[in-house]
Amino acid sequence: MKPGLLKNILLAGLLAGLLDILAAIKGNAVGTFKFIASGVFGEAAFAGGTDMVAWGIFFHFFIAISFAALYFLIYPKNALMRKNKWISGLLYGGLFVWAVMNLGVLPLTQAPQAAFNWSGVLTNMAILAVCIGWPIAWLADKYYKL
């Protein structure tokens, strides 16, 4: 294990989480973080105060850092990921992260579920590719090439 791995995972996760939340907020930070908290706390999150906002922030960045950690751990073992960081990030964020969150995690939570529509799916995939996949892939590539 190279020195600084944890620091780089945290940096990648925090950057990806920040970019992703900036794309998601759309003028309502409090509501966005309460929605995230509702995954665990259900409808009570929307009636809560700053405690629910804090839980939403925690959950959001925990998930982003977890996806960064997974990418960093897989990257040195996967030649396809090392071949092109931009394509790798696009596929990781736009397909893998989207699928894990929307087909695995969100259905298991108490968060309100939006109706399926292709426009929303493609928009979310693009946001995850650009805001999650690319920053993580770029920082992992940079870390492992040093």
N, C-alpha and C. Protein backbone atom coordinates (compact mmCIF):
# COMPACT_ATOMS: atom_id res chain seq x y z
N MET A 1 0.86 -1.18 0.00
CA MET A 1 0.00 0.00 0.00
C MET A 1 0.90 1.24 0.00
N LYS A 2 0.66 2.12 -0.95
CA LYS A 2 1.43 3.36 -1.04
C LYS A 2 1.05 4.31 0.08
N PRO A 3 2.01 5.12 0.53
CA PRO A 3 1.68 6.13 1.55
C PRO A 3 0.66 7.14 1.01
N GLY A 4 -0.20 7.61 1.88
CA GLY A 4 -1.16 8.64 1.50
C GLY A 4 -2.44 8.12 0.88
N LEU A 5 -2.64 6.80 0.89
CA LEU A 5 -3.85 6.25 0.26
C LEU A 5 -5.12 6.77 0.92
N LEU A 6 -5.18 6.72 2.23
CA LEU A 6 -6.38 7.17 2.94
C LEU A 6 -6.64 8.65 2.67
N LYS A 7 -5.61 9.46 2.71
CA LYS A 7 -5.74 10.89 2.44
C LYS A 7 -6.31 11.13 1.04
N ASN A 8 -5.82 10.37 0.06
CA ASN A 8 -6.29 10.54 -1.31
C ASN A 8 -7.72 10.03 -1.50
N ILE A 9 -8.07 8.97 -0.82
CA ILE A 9 -9.45 8.47 -0.86
C ILE A 9 -10.39 9.52 -0.28
N LEU A 10 -10.02 10.07 0.88
CA LEU A 10 -10.85 11.11 1.50
C LEU A 10 -10.97 12.33 0.60
N LEU A 11 -9.88 12.76 0.01
CA LEU A 11 -9.91 13.91 -0.90
C LEU A 11 -10.83 13.63 -2.09
N ALA A 12 -10.69 12.47 -2.70
CA ALA A 12 -11.53 12.12 -3.85
C ALA A 12 -13.00 12.04 -3.45
N GLY A 13 -13.28 11.42 -2.32
CA GLY A 13 -14.66 11.30 -1.86
C GLY A 13 -15.27 12.64 -1.51
N LEU A 14 -14.50 13.51 -0.85
CA LEU A 14 -15.02 14.83 -0.49
C LEU A 14 -15.24 15.70 -1.73
N LEU A 15 -14.31 15.63 -2.69
CA LEU A 15 -14.49 16.40 -3.93
C LEU A 15 -15.70 15.90 -4.71
N ALA A 16 -15.79 14.59 -4.88
CA ALA A 16 -16.92 14.01 -5.61
C ALA A 16 -18.24 14.31 -4.89
N GLY A 17 -18.25 14.18 -3.58
CA GLY A 17 -19.46 14.48 -2.81
C GLY A 17 -19.87 15.93 -2.93
N LEU A 18 -18.90 16.83 -2.91
CA LEU A 18 -19.19 18.26 -3.05
C LEU A 18 -19.76 18.57 -4.42
N LEU A 19 -19.12 18.07 -5.46
CA LEU A 19 -19.62 18.32 -6.82
C LEU A 19 -21.02 17.74 -7.01
N ASP A 20 -21.22 16.53 -6.52
CA ASP A 20 -22.51 15.87 -6.66
C ASP A 20 -23.61 16.63 -5.92
N ILE A 21 -23.33 17.06 -4.70
CA ILE A 21 -24.37 17.76 -3.94
C ILE A 21 -24.66 19.12 -4.55
N LEU A 22 -23.64 19.79 -5.10
CA LEU A 22 -23.89 21.07 -5.76
C LEU A 22 -24.81 20.90 -6.97
N ALA A 23 -24.68 19.76 -7.65
CA ALA A 23 -25.56 19.48 -8.79
C ALA A 23 -26.97 19.14 -8.34
N ALA A 24 -27.09 18.59 -7.12
CA ALA A 24 -28.39 18.11 -6.63
C ALA A 24 -29.20 19.18 -5.90
N ILE A 25 -28.54 20.14 -5.30
CA ILE A 25 -29.22 21.08 -4.40
C ILE A 25 -30.32 21.89 -5.09
N LYS A 26 -30.05 22.45 -6.21
CA LYS A 26 -31.04 23.23 -6.97
C LYS A 26 -31.76 24.26 -6.11
N GLY A 27 -31.00 25.00 -5.29
CA GLY A 27 -31.57 26.08 -4.50
C GLY A 27 -32.19 25.69 -3.18
N ASN A 28 -32.17 24.40 -2.82
CA ASN A 28 -32.80 23.97 -1.57
C ASN A 28 -31.88 22.99 -0.84
N ALA A 29 -30.82 23.51 -0.24
CA ALA A 29 -29.85 22.66 0.45
C ALA A 29 -30.49 21.92 1.61
N VAL A 30 -31.27 22.64 2.42
CA VAL A 30 -31.90 22.01 3.59
C VAL A 30 -32.80 20.86 3.15
N GLY A 31 -33.65 21.08 2.17
CA GLY A 31 -34.54 20.03 1.68
C GLY A 31 -33.79 18.86 1.09
N THR A 32 -32.70 19.15 0.38
CA THR A 32 -31.90 18.08 -0.23
C THR A 32 -31.29 17.18 0.84
N PHE A 33 -30.70 17.80 1.86
CA PHE A 33 -30.09 17.00 2.92
C PHE A 33 -31.13 16.27 3.76
N LYS A 34 -32.29 16.86 3.96
CA LYS A 34 -33.36 16.15 4.68
C LYS A 34 -33.85 14.96 3.85
N PHE A 35 -33.92 15.13 2.53
CA PHE A 35 -34.30 14.01 1.67
C PHE A 35 -33.31 12.87 1.83
N ILE A 36 -32.01 13.19 1.84
CA ILE A 36 -31.00 12.15 2.02
C ILE A 36 -31.19 11.47 3.38
N ALA A 37 -31.41 12.26 4.43
CA ALA A 37 -31.63 11.69 5.77
C ALA A 37 -32.89 10.83 5.81
N SER A 38 -33.87 11.14 4.96
CA SER A 38 -35.11 10.37 4.97
C SER A 38 -34.89 8.92 4.56
N GLY A 39 -33.77 8.63 3.94
CA GLY A 39 -33.45 7.25 3.61
C GLY A 39 -33.40 6.38 4.85
N VAL A 40 -32.95 6.94 5.94
CA VAL A 40 -32.86 6.21 7.21
C VAL A 40 -34.04 6.56 8.12
N PHE A 41 -34.38 7.83 8.20
CA PHE A 41 -35.36 8.30 9.18
C PHE A 41 -36.78 8.42 8.64
N GLY A 42 -36.98 8.19 7.35
CA GLY A 42 -38.31 8.26 6.76
C GLY A 42 -38.87 9.67 6.79
N GLU A 43 -40.18 9.76 6.86
CA GLU A 43 -40.88 11.06 6.84
C GLU A 43 -40.46 11.98 7.98
N ALA A 44 -40.01 11.42 9.09
CA ALA A 44 -39.58 12.23 10.24
C ALA A 44 -38.43 13.16 9.87
N ALA A 45 -37.65 12.81 8.88
CA ALA A 45 -36.52 13.66 8.47
C ALA A 45 -37.00 15.01 7.96
N PHE A 46 -38.13 15.02 7.27
CA PHE A 46 -38.63 16.28 6.70
C PHE A 46 -39.17 17.22 7.78
N ALA A 47 -39.60 16.67 8.90
CA ALA A 47 -40.09 17.49 10.00
C ALA A 47 -38.97 17.90 10.94
N GLY A 48 -37.81 17.26 10.81
CA GLY A 48 -36.68 17.54 11.68
C GLY A 48 -36.02 18.87 11.36
N GLY A 49 -35.05 19.20 12.16
CA GLY A 49 -34.33 20.47 12.00
C GLY A 49 -32.90 20.24 11.54
N THR A 50 -31.99 20.97 12.17
CA THR A 50 -30.59 20.90 11.76
C THR A 50 -29.99 19.51 12.00
N ASP A 51 -30.55 18.75 12.93
CA ASP A 51 -30.06 17.39 13.15
C ASP A 51 -30.25 16.55 11.89
N MET A 52 -31.37 16.69 11.22
CA MET A 52 -31.62 15.92 10.00
C MET A 52 -30.74 16.41 8.84
N VAL A 53 -30.50 17.71 8.79
CA VAL A 53 -29.58 18.25 7.78
C VAL A 53 -28.19 17.65 8.01
N ALA A 54 -27.75 17.63 9.26
CA ALA A 54 -26.43 17.07 9.60
C ALA A 54 -26.35 15.59 9.23
N TRP A 55 -27.41 14.82 9.52
CA TRP A 55 -27.43 13.41 9.13
C TRP A 55 -27.36 13.27 7.62
N GLY A 56 -28.08 14.12 6.90
CA GLY A 56 -28.05 14.07 5.44
C GLY A 56 -26.66 14.34 4.90
N ILE A 57 -25.99 15.33 5.47
CA ILE A 57 -24.61 15.64 5.05
C ILE A 57 -23.70 14.44 5.34
N PHE A 58 -23.84 13.88 6.55
CA PHE A 58 -23.02 12.72 6.91
C PHE A 58 -23.24 11.56 5.94
N PHE A 59 -24.51 11.19 5.71
CA PHE A 59 -24.81 10.06 4.82
C PHE A 59 -24.30 10.32 3.42
N HIS A 60 -24.49 11.54 2.91
CA HIS A 60 -24.07 11.86 1.56
C HIS A 60 -22.56 11.68 1.39
N PHE A 61 -21.79 12.25 2.30
CA PHE A 61 -20.34 12.18 2.17
C PHE A 61 -19.80 10.80 2.52
N PHE A 62 -20.47 10.08 3.41
CA PHE A 62 -20.08 8.70 3.69
C PHE A 62 -20.20 7.85 2.42
N ILE A 63 -21.28 8.01 1.71
CA ILE A 63 -21.49 7.26 0.46
C ILE A 63 -20.45 7.65 -0.58
N ALA A 64 -20.20 8.95 -0.75
CA ALA A 64 -19.22 9.40 -1.74
C ALA A 64 -17.83 8.88 -1.41
N ILE A 65 -17.44 8.93 -0.14
CA ILE A 65 -16.12 8.43 0.26
C ILE A 65 -16.06 6.91 0.08
N SER A 66 -17.15 6.22 0.32
CA SER A 66 -17.19 4.76 0.11
C SER A 66 -16.98 4.41 -1.35
N PHE A 67 -17.64 5.14 -2.26
CA PHE A 67 -17.42 4.88 -3.68
C PHE A 67 -15.98 5.22 -4.09
N ALA A 68 -15.41 6.25 -3.51
CA ALA A 68 -14.01 6.59 -3.80
C ALA A 68 -13.09 5.47 -3.31
N ALA A 69 -13.34 4.97 -2.11
CA ALA A 69 -12.51 3.89 -1.55
C ALA A 69 -12.57 2.65 -2.44
N LEU A 70 -13.76 2.28 -2.87
CA LEU A 70 -13.91 1.12 -3.74
C LEU A 70 -13.12 1.30 -5.04
N TYR A 71 -13.24 2.47 -5.64
CA TYR A 71 -12.52 2.73 -6.89
C TYR A 71 -11.01 2.63 -6.67
N PHE A 72 -10.52 3.28 -5.61
CA PHE A 72 -9.08 3.26 -5.33
C PHE A 72 -8.57 1.85 -5.07
N LEU A 73 -9.39 1.01 -4.45
CA LEU A 73 -8.96 -0.35 -4.16
C LEU A 73 -8.98 -1.25 -5.40
N ILE A 74 -9.91 -1.01 -6.29
CA ILE A 74 -10.01 -1.82 -7.51
C ILE A 74 -9.01 -1.36 -8.57
N TYR A 75 -8.76 -0.07 -8.64
CA TYR A 75 -7.95 0.53 -9.71
C TYR A 75 -6.63 -0.18 -9.99
N PRO A 76 -5.78 -0.46 -9.00
CA PRO A 76 -4.49 -1.07 -9.33
C PRO A 76 -4.59 -2.50 -9.84
N LYS A 77 -5.73 -3.15 -9.62
CA LYS A 77 -5.92 -4.54 -10.05
C LYS A 77 -6.64 -4.67 -11.39
N ASN A 78 -7.09 -3.55 -11.95
CA ASN A 78 -7.92 -3.59 -13.15
C ASN A 78 -7.27 -2.81 -14.29
N ALA A 79 -6.74 -3.53 -15.25
CA ALA A 79 -6.04 -2.90 -16.37
C ALA A 79 -6.96 -2.01 -17.20
N LEU A 80 -8.23 -2.38 -17.33
CA LEU A 80 -9.15 -1.55 -18.11
C LEU A 80 -9.37 -0.19 -17.46
N MET A 81 -9.41 -0.15 -16.13
CA MET A 81 -9.59 1.12 -15.44
C MET A 81 -8.36 2.02 -15.61
N ARG A 82 -7.18 1.41 -15.64
CA ARG A 82 -5.95 2.18 -15.77
C ARG A 82 -5.71 2.67 -17.19
N LYS A 83 -6.35 2.05 -18.14
CA LYS A 83 -6.11 2.37 -19.55
C LYS A 83 -6.57 3.78 -19.92
N ASN A 84 -7.76 4.19 -19.47
CA ASN A 84 -8.28 5.51 -19.79
C ASN A 84 -9.14 6.00 -18.62
N LYS A 85 -8.58 6.95 -17.86
CA LYS A 85 -9.27 7.41 -16.65
C LYS A 85 -10.60 8.07 -16.97
N TRP A 86 -10.74 8.70 -18.14
CA TRP A 86 -11.99 9.42 -18.47
C TRP A 86 -13.11 8.44 -18.79
N ILE A 87 -12.81 7.42 -19.56
CA ILE A 87 -13.83 6.41 -19.87
C ILE A 87 -14.15 5.60 -18.61
N SER A 88 -13.10 5.26 -17.86
CA SER A 88 -13.30 4.52 -16.62
C SER A 88 -14.19 5.29 -15.65
N GLY A 89 -13.92 6.57 -15.48
CA GLY A 89 -14.73 7.41 -14.59
C GLY A 89 -16.16 7.54 -15.08
N LEU A 90 -16.31 7.69 -16.39
CA LEU A 90 -17.64 7.79 -16.99
C LEU A 90 -18.46 6.53 -16.69
N LEU A 91 -17.86 5.37 -16.89
CA LEU A 91 -18.56 4.11 -16.66
C LEU A 91 -18.78 3.87 -15.16
N TYR A 92 -17.80 4.20 -14.35
CA TYR A 92 -17.92 3.98 -12.91
C TYR A 92 -19.04 4.85 -12.33
N GLY A 93 -19.00 6.14 -12.62
CA GLY A 93 -20.02 7.05 -12.08
C GLY A 93 -21.37 6.88 -12.75
N GLY A 94 -21.35 6.91 -14.10
CA GLY A 94 -22.58 6.92 -14.86
C GLY A 94 -23.33 5.61 -14.90
N LEU A 95 -22.62 4.51 -14.77
CA LEU A 95 -23.30 3.21 -14.80
C LEU A 95 -23.26 2.51 -13.44
N PHE A 96 -22.05 2.28 -12.93
CA PHE A 96 -21.92 1.50 -11.69
C PHE A 96 -22.55 2.22 -10.49
N VAL A 97 -22.13 3.46 -10.24
CA VAL A 97 -22.67 4.19 -9.08
C VAL A 97 -24.17 4.38 -9.24
N TRP A 98 -24.61 4.73 -10.45
CA TRP A 98 -26.06 4.90 -10.66
C TRP A 98 -26.80 3.60 -10.34
N ALA A 99 -26.30 2.48 -10.88
CA ALA A 99 -26.98 1.20 -10.68
C ALA A 99 -27.00 0.79 -9.20
N VAL A 100 -25.88 0.93 -8.52
CA VAL A 100 -25.83 0.56 -7.11
C VAL A 100 -26.82 1.40 -6.31
N MET A 101 -26.80 2.71 -6.54
CA MET A 101 -27.67 3.59 -5.75
C MET A 101 -29.16 3.41 -6.10
N ASN A 102 -29.47 3.38 -7.38
CA ASN A 102 -30.88 3.38 -7.80
C ASN A 102 -31.53 2.01 -7.85
N LEU A 103 -30.74 0.98 -8.05
CA LEU A 103 -31.31 -0.36 -8.12
C LEU A 103 -31.05 -1.17 -6.85
N GLY A 104 -30.05 -0.74 -6.06
CA GLY A 104 -29.71 -1.47 -4.85
C GLY A 104 -30.02 -0.72 -3.57
N VAL A 105 -29.44 0.46 -3.40
CA VAL A 105 -29.54 1.17 -2.13
C VAL A 105 -30.90 1.85 -1.95
N LEU A 106 -31.27 2.73 -2.87
CA LEU A 106 -32.50 3.52 -2.68
C LEU A 106 -33.76 2.69 -2.48
N PRO A 107 -33.95 1.58 -3.20
CA PRO A 107 -35.16 0.79 -2.94
C PRO A 107 -35.21 0.21 -1.52
N LEU A 108 -34.08 0.11 -0.85
CA LEU A 108 -34.05 -0.43 0.51
C LEU A 108 -34.24 0.64 1.58
N THR A 109 -34.29 1.91 1.16
CA THR A 109 -34.41 3.01 2.13
C THR A 109 -35.87 3.42 2.29
N GLN A 110 -36.07 4.38 3.20
CA GLN A 110 -37.39 4.94 3.43
C GLN A 110 -37.60 6.23 2.65
N ALA A 111 -36.63 6.62 1.83
CA ALA A 111 -36.75 7.86 1.06
C ALA A 111 -37.87 7.73 0.04
N PRO A 112 -38.59 8.81 -0.23
CA PRO A 112 -39.64 8.77 -1.26
C PRO A 112 -39.03 8.40 -2.62
N GLN A 113 -39.70 7.52 -3.31
CA GLN A 113 -39.21 7.06 -4.62
C GLN A 113 -39.87 7.85 -5.75
N ALA A 114 -39.04 8.36 -6.64
CA ALA A 114 -39.56 9.08 -7.80
C ALA A 114 -40.00 8.07 -8.87
N ALA A 115 -40.95 8.46 -9.67
CA ALA A 115 -41.38 7.61 -10.78
C ALA A 115 -40.25 7.52 -11.81
N PHE A 116 -40.13 6.37 -12.43
CA PHE A 116 -39.09 6.16 -13.44
C PHE A 116 -39.41 6.97 -14.69
N ASN A 117 -38.41 7.70 -15.17
CA ASN A 117 -38.51 8.31 -16.49
C ASN A 117 -37.11 8.43 -17.07
N TRP A 118 -37.01 8.18 -18.36
CA TRP A 118 -35.71 8.13 -19.01
C TRP A 118 -34.94 9.44 -18.93
N SER A 119 -35.63 10.54 -19.01
CA SER A 119 -34.97 11.84 -18.93
C SER A 119 -34.25 11.99 -17.59
N GLY A 120 -34.94 11.64 -16.52
CA GLY A 120 -34.33 11.72 -15.19
C GLY A 120 -33.17 10.75 -15.02
N VAL A 121 -33.33 9.55 -15.54
CA VAL A 121 -32.27 8.54 -15.45
C VAL A 121 -31.02 9.03 -16.17
N LEU A 122 -31.18 9.50 -17.41
CA LEU A 122 -30.02 9.95 -18.18
C LEU A 122 -29.37 11.18 -17.56
N THR A 123 -30.17 12.09 -17.01
CA THR A 123 -29.62 13.26 -16.32
C THR A 123 -28.83 12.82 -15.10
N ASN A 124 -29.40 11.92 -14.29
CA ASN A 124 -28.70 11.43 -13.10
C ASN A 124 -27.42 10.69 -13.46
N MET A 125 -27.46 9.90 -14.52
CA MET A 125 -26.25 9.19 -14.95
C MET A 125 -25.16 10.17 -15.37
N ALA A 126 -25.54 11.21 -16.09
CA ALA A 126 -24.56 12.21 -16.53
C ALA A 126 -23.96 12.95 -15.33
N ILE A 127 -24.81 13.31 -14.37
CA ILE A 127 -24.32 14.00 -13.17
C ILE A 127 -23.35 13.10 -12.40
N LEU A 128 -23.70 11.84 -12.22
CA LEU A 128 -22.84 10.92 -11.49
C LEU A 128 -21.53 10.66 -12.24
N ALA A 129 -21.58 10.60 -13.56
CA ALA A 129 -20.36 10.41 -14.34
C ALA A 129 -19.41 11.59 -14.16
N VAL A 130 -19.94 12.79 -14.29
CA VAL A 130 -19.12 14.00 -14.24
C VAL A 130 -18.71 14.35 -12.81
N CYS A 131 -19.63 14.25 -11.88
CA CYS A 131 -19.39 14.73 -10.52
C CYS A 131 -18.78 13.67 -9.60
N ILE A 132 -19.05 12.42 -9.86
CA ILE A 132 -18.52 11.34 -9.02
C ILE A 132 -17.41 10.57 -9.76
N GLY A 133 -17.75 10.04 -10.92
CA GLY A 133 -16.81 9.18 -11.64
C GLY A 133 -15.53 9.86 -12.07
N TRP A 134 -15.64 11.00 -12.73
CA TRP A 134 -14.44 11.66 -13.24
C TRP A 134 -13.50 12.17 -12.16
N PRO A 135 -13.98 12.84 -11.11
CA PRO A 135 -13.03 13.29 -10.08
C PRO A 135 -12.33 12.12 -9.38
N ILE A 136 -13.08 11.06 -9.08
CA ILE A 136 -12.48 9.91 -8.42
C ILE A 136 -11.46 9.25 -9.34
N ALA A 137 -11.82 9.05 -10.60
CA ALA A 137 -10.90 8.41 -11.55
C ALA A 137 -9.65 9.25 -11.75
N TRP A 138 -9.82 10.54 -11.87
CA TRP A 138 -8.68 11.44 -12.07
C TRP A 138 -7.73 11.39 -10.88
N LEU A 139 -8.28 11.47 -9.66
CA LEU A 139 -7.42 11.48 -8.48
C LEU A 139 -6.78 10.10 -8.23
N ALA A 140 -7.48 9.02 -8.54
CA ALA A 140 -6.90 7.70 -8.40
C ALA A 140 -5.76 7.53 -9.40
N ASP A 141 -5.98 7.93 -10.63
CA ASP A 141 -4.94 7.84 -11.66
C ASP A 141 -3.72 8.66 -11.26
N LYS A 142 -3.94 9.85 -10.77
CA LYS A 142 -2.86 10.73 -10.33
C LYS A 142 -2.09 10.08 -9.17
N TYR A 143 -2.82 9.54 -8.20
CA TYR A 143 -2.19 8.92 -7.02
C TYR A 143 -1.34 7.73 -7.42
N TYR A 144 -1.86 6.85 -8.24
CA TYR A 144 -1.14 5.63 -8.57
C TYR A 144 -0.01 5.86 -9.57
N LYS A 145 -0.02 6.94 -10.29
CA LYS A 145 1.06 7.24 -11.25
C LYS A 145 2.22 7.99 -10.61
N LEU A 146 2.05 8.46 -9.38
CA LEU A 146 3.15 9.17 -8.69
C LEU A 146 4.22 8.20 -8.25
